Every structure is written in C-alpha cells, then in structure tokens.
All heavy atoms as atom14 arrays in JSON, in Angstrom:
{
  "sequence": "LRLRALSPAAAADPYRAEDETPARFVPRFNFSADDLM",
  "atom14_mask": [
    [1, 1, 1, 1, 1, 1, 1, 1, 0, 0, 0, 0, 0, 0],
    [1, 1, 1, 1, 1, 1, 1, 1, 1, 1, 1, 0, 0, 0],
    [1, 1, 1, 1, 1, 1, 1, 1, 0, 0, 0, 0, 0, 0],
    [1, 1, 1, 1, 1, 1, 1, 1, 1, 1, 1, 0, 0, 0],
    [1, 1, 1, 1, 1, 0, 0, 0, 0, 0, 0, 0, 0, 0],
    [1, 1, 1, 1, 1, 1, 1, 1, 0, 0, 0, 0, 0, 0],
    [1, 1, 1, 1, 1, 1, 0, 0, 0, 0, 0, 0, 0, 0],
    [1, 1, 1, 1, 1, 1, 1, 0, 0, 0, 0, 0, 0, 0],
    [1, 1, 1, 1, 1, 0, 0, 0, 0, 0, 0, 0, 0, 0],
    [1, 1, 1, 1, 1, 0, 0, 0, 0, 0, 0, 0, 0, 0],
    [1, 1, 1, 1, 1, 0, 0, 0, 0, 0, 0, 0, 0, 0],
    [1, 1, 1, 1, 1, 0, 0, 0, 0, 0, 0, 0, 0, 0],
    [1, 1, 1, 1, 1, 1, 1, 1, 0, 0, 0, 0, 0, 0],
    [1, 1, 1, 1, 1, 1, 1, 0, 0, 0, 0, 0, 0, 0],
    [1, 1, 1, 1, 1, 1, 1, 1, 1, 1, 1, 1, 0, 0],
    [1, 1, 1, 1, 1, 1, 1, 1, 1, 1, 1, 0, 0, 0],
    [1, 1, 1, 1, 1, 0, 0, 0, 0, 0, 0, 0, 0, 0],
    [1, 1, 1, 1, 1, 1, 1, 1, 1, 0, 0, 0, 0, 0],
    [1, 1, 1, 1, 1, 1, 1, 1, 0, 0, 0, 0, 0, 0],
    [1, 1, 1, 1, 1, 1, 1, 1, 1, 0, 0, 0, 0, 0],
    [1, 1, 1, 1, 1, 1, 1, 0, 0, 0, 0, 0, 0, 0],
    [1, 1, 1, 1, 1, 1, 1, 0, 0, 0, 0, 0, 0, 0],
    [1, 1, 1, 1, 1, 0, 0, 0, 0, 0, 0, 0, 0, 0],
    [1, 1, 1, 1, 1, 1, 1, 1, 1, 1, 1, 0, 0, 0],
    [1, 1, 1, 1, 1, 1, 1, 1, 1, 1, 1, 0, 0, 0],
    [1, 1, 1, 1, 1, 1, 1, 0, 0, 0, 0, 0, 0, 0],
    [1, 1, 1, 1, 1, 1, 1, 0, 0, 0, 0, 0, 0, 0],
    [1, 1, 1, 1, 1, 1, 1, 1, 1, 1, 1, 0, 0, 0],
    [1, 1, 1, 1, 1, 1, 1, 1, 1, 1, 1, 0, 0, 0],
    [1, 1, 1, 1, 1, 1, 1, 1, 0, 0, 0, 0, 0, 0],
    [1, 1, 1, 1, 1, 1, 1, 1, 1, 1, 1, 0, 0, 0],
    [1, 1, 1, 1, 1, 1, 0, 0, 0, 0, 0, 0, 0, 0],
    [1, 1, 1, 1, 1, 0, 0, 0, 0, 0, 0, 0, 0, 0],
    [1, 1, 1, 1, 1, 1, 1, 1, 0, 0, 0, 0, 0, 0],
    [1, 1, 1, 1, 1, 1, 1, 1, 0, 0, 0, 0, 0, 0],
    [1, 1, 1, 1, 1, 1, 1, 1, 0, 0, 0, 0, 0, 0],
    [1, 1, 1, 1, 1, 1, 1, 1, 0, 0, 0, 0, 0, 0]
  ],
  "atom14_positions": [
    [[106.01, 78.96, 111.16], [107.1, 78.07, 111.63], [108.44, 78.75, 111.43], [109.46, 78.21, 111.91], [107.01, 76.79, 110.79], [105.76, 75.92, 110.96], [105.89, 74.71, 110.01], [105.58, 75.49, 112.4], [0.0, 0.0, 0.0], [0.0, 0.0, 0.0], [0.0, 0.0, 0.0], [0.0, 0.0, 0.0], [0.0, 0.0, 0.0], [0.0, 0.0, 0.0]],
    [[108.52, 79.87, 110.83], [109.77, 80.56, 110.61], [110.07, 81.54, 111.72], [109.37, 82.51, 111.85], [109.77, 81.29, 109.24], [109.91, 80.43, 108.13], [110.1, 81.28, 106.96], [110.13, 80.44, 105.74], [110.32, 80.95, 104.53], [110.44, 82.19, 104.32], [110.31, 80.11, 103.44], [0.0, 0.0, 0.0], [0.0, 0.0, 0.0], [0.0, 0.0, 0.0]],
    [[111.1, 81.27, 112.44], [111.49, 82.22, 113.51], [112.37, 83.32, 112.95], [112.36, 84.43, 113.47], [112.2, 81.48, 114.64], [111.36, 80.4, 115.34], [112.21, 79.67, 116.29], [110.14, 80.98, 115.98], [0.0, 0.0, 0.0], [0.0, 0.0, 0.0], [0.0, 0.0, 0.0], [0.0, 0.0, 0.0], [0.0, 0.0, 0.0], [0.0, 0.0, 0.0]],
    [[113.1, 83.03, 111.88], [113.96, 84.02, 111.37], [113.21, 85.04, 110.5], [113.74, 86.09, 110.1], [115.02, 83.4, 110.4], [116.02, 82.6, 111.22], [117.14, 82.11, 110.35], [117.67, 83.23, 109.6], [118.37, 83.07, 108.46], [118.64, 81.91, 108.05], [118.82, 84.13, 107.8], [0.0, 0.0, 0.0], [0.0, 0.0, 0.0], [0.0, 0.0, 0.0]],
    [[111.99, 84.76, 110.15], [111.2, 85.71, 109.32], [110.96, 86.99, 110.05], [110.7, 88.01, 109.35], [109.83, 85.05, 108.93], [0.0, 0.0, 0.0], [0.0, 0.0, 0.0], [0.0, 0.0, 0.0], [0.0, 0.0, 0.0], [0.0, 0.0, 0.0], [0.0, 0.0, 0.0], [0.0, 0.0, 0.0], [0.0, 0.0, 0.0], [0.0, 0.0, 0.0]],
    [[111.03, 87.01, 111.35], [110.81, 88.23, 112.11], [112.08, 89.08, 112.21], [111.96, 90.24, 112.62], [110.23, 87.85, 113.57], [108.92, 87.11, 113.51], [108.59, 86.7, 114.93], [107.83, 87.92, 112.91], [0.0, 0.0, 0.0], [0.0, 0.0, 0.0], [0.0, 0.0, 0.0], [0.0, 0.0, 0.0], [0.0, 0.0, 0.0], [0.0, 0.0, 0.0]],
    [[113.16, 88.52, 111.86], [114.45, 89.29, 112.0], [114.54, 90.24, 110.82], [114.1, 89.93, 109.72], [115.65, 88.3, 112.02], [115.8, 87.72, 110.77], [0.0, 0.0, 0.0], [0.0, 0.0, 0.0], [0.0, 0.0, 0.0], [0.0, 0.0, 0.0], [0.0, 0.0, 0.0], [0.0, 0.0, 0.0], [0.0, 0.0, 0.0], [0.0, 0.0, 0.0]],
    [[115.2, 91.41, 111.06], [115.32, 92.41, 109.95], [116.21, 91.89, 108.83], [116.01, 92.31, 107.71], [115.93, 93.63, 110.66], [116.29, 93.23, 111.99], [115.72, 91.87, 112.33], [0.0, 0.0, 0.0], [0.0, 0.0, 0.0], [0.0, 0.0, 0.0], [0.0, 0.0, 0.0], [0.0, 0.0, 0.0], [0.0, 0.0, 0.0], [0.0, 0.0, 0.0]],
    [[117.15, 91.03, 109.09], [118.05, 90.54, 108.02], [117.26, 89.71, 106.96], [117.55, 89.82, 105.82], [119.21, 89.74, 108.62], [0.0, 0.0, 0.0], [0.0, 0.0, 0.0], [0.0, 0.0, 0.0], [0.0, 0.0, 0.0], [0.0, 0.0, 0.0], [0.0, 0.0, 0.0], [0.0, 0.0, 0.0], [0.0, 0.0, 0.0], [0.0, 0.0, 0.0]],
    [[116.32, 88.9, 107.47], [115.57, 88.1, 106.58], [114.67, 88.93, 105.72], [114.34, 88.61, 104.58], [114.82, 87.04, 107.32], [0.0, 0.0, 0.0], [0.0, 0.0, 0.0], [0.0, 0.0, 0.0], [0.0, 0.0, 0.0], [0.0, 0.0, 0.0], [0.0, 0.0, 0.0], [0.0, 0.0, 0.0], [0.0, 0.0, 0.0], [0.0, 0.0, 0.0]],
    [[114.09, 90.0, 106.2], [113.19, 90.83, 105.53], [113.89, 91.72, 104.52], [113.27, 92.23, 103.58], [112.33, 91.64, 106.47], [0.0, 0.0, 0.0], [0.0, 0.0, 0.0], [0.0, 0.0, 0.0], [0.0, 0.0, 0.0], [0.0, 0.0, 0.0], [0.0, 0.0, 0.0], [0.0, 0.0, 0.0], [0.0, 0.0, 0.0], [0.0, 0.0, 0.0]],
    [[115.19, 91.96, 104.71], [115.9, 92.91, 103.92], [116.1, 92.45, 102.45], [115.94, 93.14, 101.53], [117.25, 93.26, 104.49], [0.0, 0.0, 0.0], [0.0, 0.0, 0.0], [0.0, 0.0, 0.0], [0.0, 0.0, 0.0], [0.0, 0.0, 0.0], [0.0, 0.0, 0.0], [0.0, 0.0, 0.0], [0.0, 0.0, 0.0], [0.0, 0.0, 0.0]],
    [[116.42, 91.13, 102.24], [116.72, 90.63, 100.96], [115.87, 89.4, 100.65], [116.18, 88.34, 101.13], [118.15, 90.31, 100.79], [118.57, 89.91, 99.37], [117.68, 90.02, 98.5], [119.74, 89.49, 99.17], [0.0, 0.0, 0.0], [0.0, 0.0, 0.0], [0.0, 0.0, 0.0], [0.0, 0.0, 0.0], [0.0, 0.0, 0.0], [0.0, 0.0, 0.0]],
    [[114.77, 89.52, 99.94], [113.92, 88.29, 99.66], [114.57, 87.28, 98.78], [114.1, 86.18, 98.7], [112.67, 88.93, 99.03], [113.14, 90.2, 98.4], [114.2, 90.7, 99.28], [0.0, 0.0, 0.0], [0.0, 0.0, 0.0], [0.0, 0.0, 0.0], [0.0, 0.0, 0.0], [0.0, 0.0, 0.0], [0.0, 0.0, 0.0], [0.0, 0.0, 0.0]],
    [[115.69, 87.6, 98.17], [116.34, 86.69, 97.25], [117.53, 85.88, 97.88], [118.15, 85.08, 97.29], [116.89, 87.39, 96.05], [115.79, 88.12, 95.28], [115.72, 89.51, 95.27], [114.87, 87.46, 94.6], [114.71, 90.18, 94.64], [113.8, 88.08, 93.93], [113.78, 89.44, 93.94], [112.75, 90.1, 93.33], [0.0, 0.0, 0.0], [0.0, 0.0, 0.0]],
    [[117.75, 86.14, 99.17], [118.82, 85.46, 99.86], [118.22, 84.19, 100.47], [117.23, 84.16, 101.06], [119.37, 86.3, 100.98], [120.52, 85.63, 101.75], [121.31, 86.62, 102.58], [121.99, 87.53, 101.7], [123.2, 87.41, 101.17], [123.74, 86.26, 101.29], [123.71, 88.3, 100.48], [0.0, 0.0, 0.0], [0.0, 0.0, 0.0], [0.0, 0.0, 0.0]],
    [[118.9, 83.09, 100.25], [118.47, 81.77, 100.81], [118.62, 81.76, 102.26], [119.49, 82.45, 102.87], [119.19, 80.65, 100.13], [0.0, 0.0, 0.0], [0.0, 0.0, 0.0], [0.0, 0.0, 0.0], [0.0, 0.0, 0.0], [0.0, 0.0, 0.0], [0.0, 0.0, 0.0], [0.0, 0.0, 0.0], [0.0, 0.0, 0.0], [0.0, 0.0, 0.0]],
    [[117.88, 80.89, 102.9], [117.91, 80.81, 104.45], [119.27, 80.23, 104.87], [119.73, 80.64, 105.94], [116.79, 79.89, 104.88], [115.43, 80.52, 104.77], [114.31, 79.59, 105.23], [114.61, 78.49, 105.76], [113.18, 80.03, 105.12], [0.0, 0.0, 0.0], [0.0, 0.0, 0.0], [0.0, 0.0, 0.0], [0.0, 0.0, 0.0], [0.0, 0.0, 0.0]],
    [[119.86, 79.35, 104.11], [121.17, 78.76, 104.47], [122.31, 79.6, 104.03], [123.49, 79.12, 103.99], [121.23, 77.31, 104.04], [121.14, 77.18, 102.5], [120.9, 78.28, 101.85], [121.32, 76.07, 101.96], [0.0, 0.0, 0.0], [0.0, 0.0, 0.0], [0.0, 0.0, 0.0], [0.0, 0.0, 0.0], [0.0, 0.0, 0.0], [0.0, 0.0, 0.0]],
    [[122.07, 80.83, 103.51], [123.08, 81.77, 103.01], [123.83, 81.28, 101.84], [124.9, 81.85, 101.5], [124.09, 82.07, 104.22], [123.49, 82.68, 105.43], [122.76, 84.04, 105.14], [123.26, 84.84, 104.33], [121.71, 84.25, 105.7], [0.0, 0.0, 0.0], [0.0, 0.0, 0.0], [0.0, 0.0, 0.0], [0.0, 0.0, 0.0], [0.0, 0.0, 0.0]],
    [[123.28, 80.34, 101.07], [123.94, 79.95, 99.79], [123.54, 81.05, 98.71], [122.6, 81.74, 98.89], [123.43, 78.55, 99.35], [121.95, 78.64, 99.22], [123.87, 77.42, 100.35], [0.0, 0.0, 0.0], [0.0, 0.0, 0.0], [0.0, 0.0, 0.0], [0.0, 0.0, 0.0], [0.0, 0.0, 0.0], [0.0, 0.0, 0.0], [0.0, 0.0, 0.0]],
    [[124.34, 81.06, 97.68], [124.02, 82.04, 96.65], [122.61, 81.8, 96.04], [122.25, 80.61, 95.89], [125.07, 81.86, 95.58], [126.19, 81.18, 96.25], [125.56, 80.36, 97.34], [0.0, 0.0, 0.0], [0.0, 0.0, 0.0], [0.0, 0.0, 0.0], [0.0, 0.0, 0.0], [0.0, 0.0, 0.0], [0.0, 0.0, 0.0], [0.0, 0.0, 0.0]],
    [[121.92, 82.78, 95.73], [120.59, 82.67, 95.21], [120.62, 81.97, 93.78], [121.47, 82.3, 93.03], [119.88, 83.94, 95.14], [0.0, 0.0, 0.0], [0.0, 0.0, 0.0], [0.0, 0.0, 0.0], [0.0, 0.0, 0.0], [0.0, 0.0, 0.0], [0.0, 0.0, 0.0], [0.0, 0.0, 0.0], [0.0, 0.0, 0.0], [0.0, 0.0, 0.0]],
    [[119.59, 81.04, 93.55], [119.5, 80.42, 92.26], [118.78, 81.35, 91.33], [119.03, 81.37, 90.16], [118.79, 79.16, 92.37], [119.73, 78.05, 93.0], [119.0, 76.75, 93.03], [118.15, 76.8, 94.21], [117.15, 76.01, 94.46], [116.85, 75.04, 93.69], [116.44, 76.09, 95.6], [0.0, 0.0, 0.0], [0.0, 0.0, 0.0], [0.0, 0.0, 0.0]],
    [[117.92, 82.23, 91.85], [117.11, 83.16, 91.06], [117.71, 84.53, 91.29], [117.73, 85.0, 92.45], [115.67, 83.12, 91.38], [114.95, 84.28, 90.86], [114.62, 84.39, 89.49], [114.45, 85.32, 91.63], [113.98, 85.4, 88.97], [113.81, 86.4, 91.12], [113.56, 86.49, 89.78], [0.0, 0.0, 0.0], [0.0, 0.0, 0.0], [0.0, 0.0, 0.0]],
    [[118.22, 85.16, 90.3], [118.71, 86.54, 90.42], [117.82, 87.38, 89.57], [117.74, 87.18, 88.36], [120.2, 86.59, 90.01], [120.68, 88.06, 90.16], [121.03, 85.68, 90.85], [0.0, 0.0, 0.0], [0.0, 0.0, 0.0], [0.0, 0.0, 0.0], [0.0, 0.0, 0.0], [0.0, 0.0, 0.0], [0.0, 0.0, 0.0], [0.0, 0.0, 0.0]],
    [[117.16, 88.43, 90.16], [116.29, 89.24, 89.34], [117.05, 90.02, 88.26], [118.11, 90.6, 88.58], [115.61, 90.15, 90.32], [116.53, 90.15, 91.47], [117.23, 88.86, 91.49], [0.0, 0.0, 0.0], [0.0, 0.0, 0.0], [0.0, 0.0, 0.0], [0.0, 0.0, 0.0], [0.0, 0.0, 0.0], [0.0, 0.0, 0.0], [0.0, 0.0, 0.0]],
    [[116.51, 90.08, 87.07], [117.13, 90.82, 85.97], [116.71, 92.23, 86.01], [117.52, 93.11, 85.64], [116.75, 90.24, 84.6], [117.58, 89.04, 84.22], [117.26, 88.54, 82.91], [117.34, 89.49, 81.85], [116.76, 89.41, 80.72], [116.07, 88.41, 80.42], [116.94, 90.33, 79.79], [0.0, 0.0, 0.0], [0.0, 0.0, 0.0], [0.0, 0.0, 0.0]],
    [[115.56, 92.59, 86.45], [115.01, 93.9, 86.41], [114.74, 94.37, 87.87], [113.77, 93.92, 88.39], [113.76, 93.98, 85.57], [114.01, 93.49, 84.17], [113.46, 92.29, 83.72], [114.77, 94.22, 83.22], [113.65, 91.78, 82.46], [115.06, 93.75, 82.0], [114.44, 92.49, 81.56], [0.0, 0.0, 0.0], [0.0, 0.0, 0.0], [0.0, 0.0, 0.0]],
    [[115.55, 95.17, 88.37], [115.29, 95.73, 89.73], [114.79, 97.21, 89.49], [115.58, 98.1, 89.22], [116.5, 95.72, 90.61], [116.96, 94.34, 90.99], [116.06, 93.49, 91.3], [118.16, 94.06, 90.95], [0.0, 0.0, 0.0], [0.0, 0.0, 0.0], [0.0, 0.0, 0.0], [0.0, 0.0, 0.0], [0.0, 0.0, 0.0], [0.0, 0.0, 0.0]],
    [[113.5, 97.38, 89.61], [112.87, 98.68, 89.37], [112.79, 99.45, 90.62], [112.43, 98.85, 91.65], [111.48, 98.5, 88.78], [111.46, 97.85, 87.44], [110.96, 96.62, 87.24], [111.98, 98.57, 86.31], [110.98, 96.01, 86.01], [111.93, 97.96, 85.07], [111.41, 96.72, 84.89], [0.0, 0.0, 0.0], [0.0, 0.0, 0.0], [0.0, 0.0, 0.0]],
    [[113.24, 100.74, 90.61], [113.19, 101.48, 91.86], [111.75, 102.03, 91.9], [110.95, 101.91, 91.0], [114.14, 102.69, 91.72], [113.69, 103.56, 90.67], [0.0, 0.0, 0.0], [0.0, 0.0, 0.0], [0.0, 0.0, 0.0], [0.0, 0.0, 0.0], [0.0, 0.0, 0.0], [0.0, 0.0, 0.0], [0.0, 0.0, 0.0], [0.0, 0.0, 0.0]],
    [[111.4, 102.57, 93.08], [110.06, 103.15, 93.34], [109.83, 104.26, 92.32], [108.74, 104.44, 91.85], [109.95, 103.66, 94.76], [0.0, 0.0, 0.0], [0.0, 0.0, 0.0], [0.0, 0.0, 0.0], [0.0, 0.0, 0.0], [0.0, 0.0, 0.0], [0.0, 0.0, 0.0], [0.0, 0.0, 0.0], [0.0, 0.0, 0.0], [0.0, 0.0, 0.0]],
    [[110.85, 105.07, 91.99], [110.71, 106.18, 91.02], [110.37, 105.65, 89.65], [109.57, 106.16, 88.93], [111.97, 107.02, 90.96], [112.22, 107.79, 92.21], [111.25, 108.09, 92.9], [113.35, 108.17, 92.5], [0.0, 0.0, 0.0], [0.0, 0.0, 0.0], [0.0, 0.0, 0.0], [0.0, 0.0, 0.0], [0.0, 0.0, 0.0], [0.0, 0.0, 0.0]],
    [[111.03, 104.5, 89.29], [110.71, 103.87, 87.96], [109.28, 103.42, 87.9], [108.57, 103.63, 86.85], [111.63, 102.69, 87.69], [113.06, 103.06, 87.44], [113.28, 104.2, 86.97], [113.91, 102.23, 87.65], [0.0, 0.0, 0.0], [0.0, 0.0, 0.0], [0.0, 0.0, 0.0], [0.0, 0.0, 0.0], [0.0, 0.0, 0.0], [0.0, 0.0, 0.0]],
    [[108.79, 102.82, 88.98], [107.43, 102.24, 88.97], [106.36, 103.4, 89.07], [105.2, 103.18, 88.61], [107.24, 101.32, 90.13], [108.13, 100.05, 90.04], [107.97, 99.23, 91.28], [107.73, 99.23, 88.84], [0.0, 0.0, 0.0], [0.0, 0.0, 0.0], [0.0, 0.0, 0.0], [0.0, 0.0, 0.0], [0.0, 0.0, 0.0], [0.0, 0.0, 0.0]],
    [[106.67, 104.53, 89.6], [105.7, 105.59, 89.83], [105.86, 106.72, 88.8], [105.16, 107.69, 88.9], [105.88, 106.19, 91.24], [105.6, 105.2, 92.31], [104.0, 104.43, 92.29], [102.98, 105.81, 92.67], [0.0, 0.0, 0.0], [0.0, 0.0, 0.0], [0.0, 0.0, 0.0], [0.0, 0.0, 0.0], [0.0, 0.0, 0.0], [0.0, 0.0, 0.0]]
  ]
}
C-alpha cells in the first residue's frame, strides 16, 4: 500500500517519519559497517 516506499528518499533514512515530522525514536548507537565487521 505504500507508494513512497519505492522512492529513494524513503529508503535513505528509515528513522524519518512519512509526514516529515521529527522522529520520535532517535538511535543512540549508529554503528558503521567497519565497526560491525
């Protein structure tokens, strides 16, 4: 049902709300691929 899910902007930031309001959940730990590997 989501048409915006196919757009690159929606896939870029999973923490951005659909209505562009500030996210209620902000991740505390953003691990890079190098950190994880």
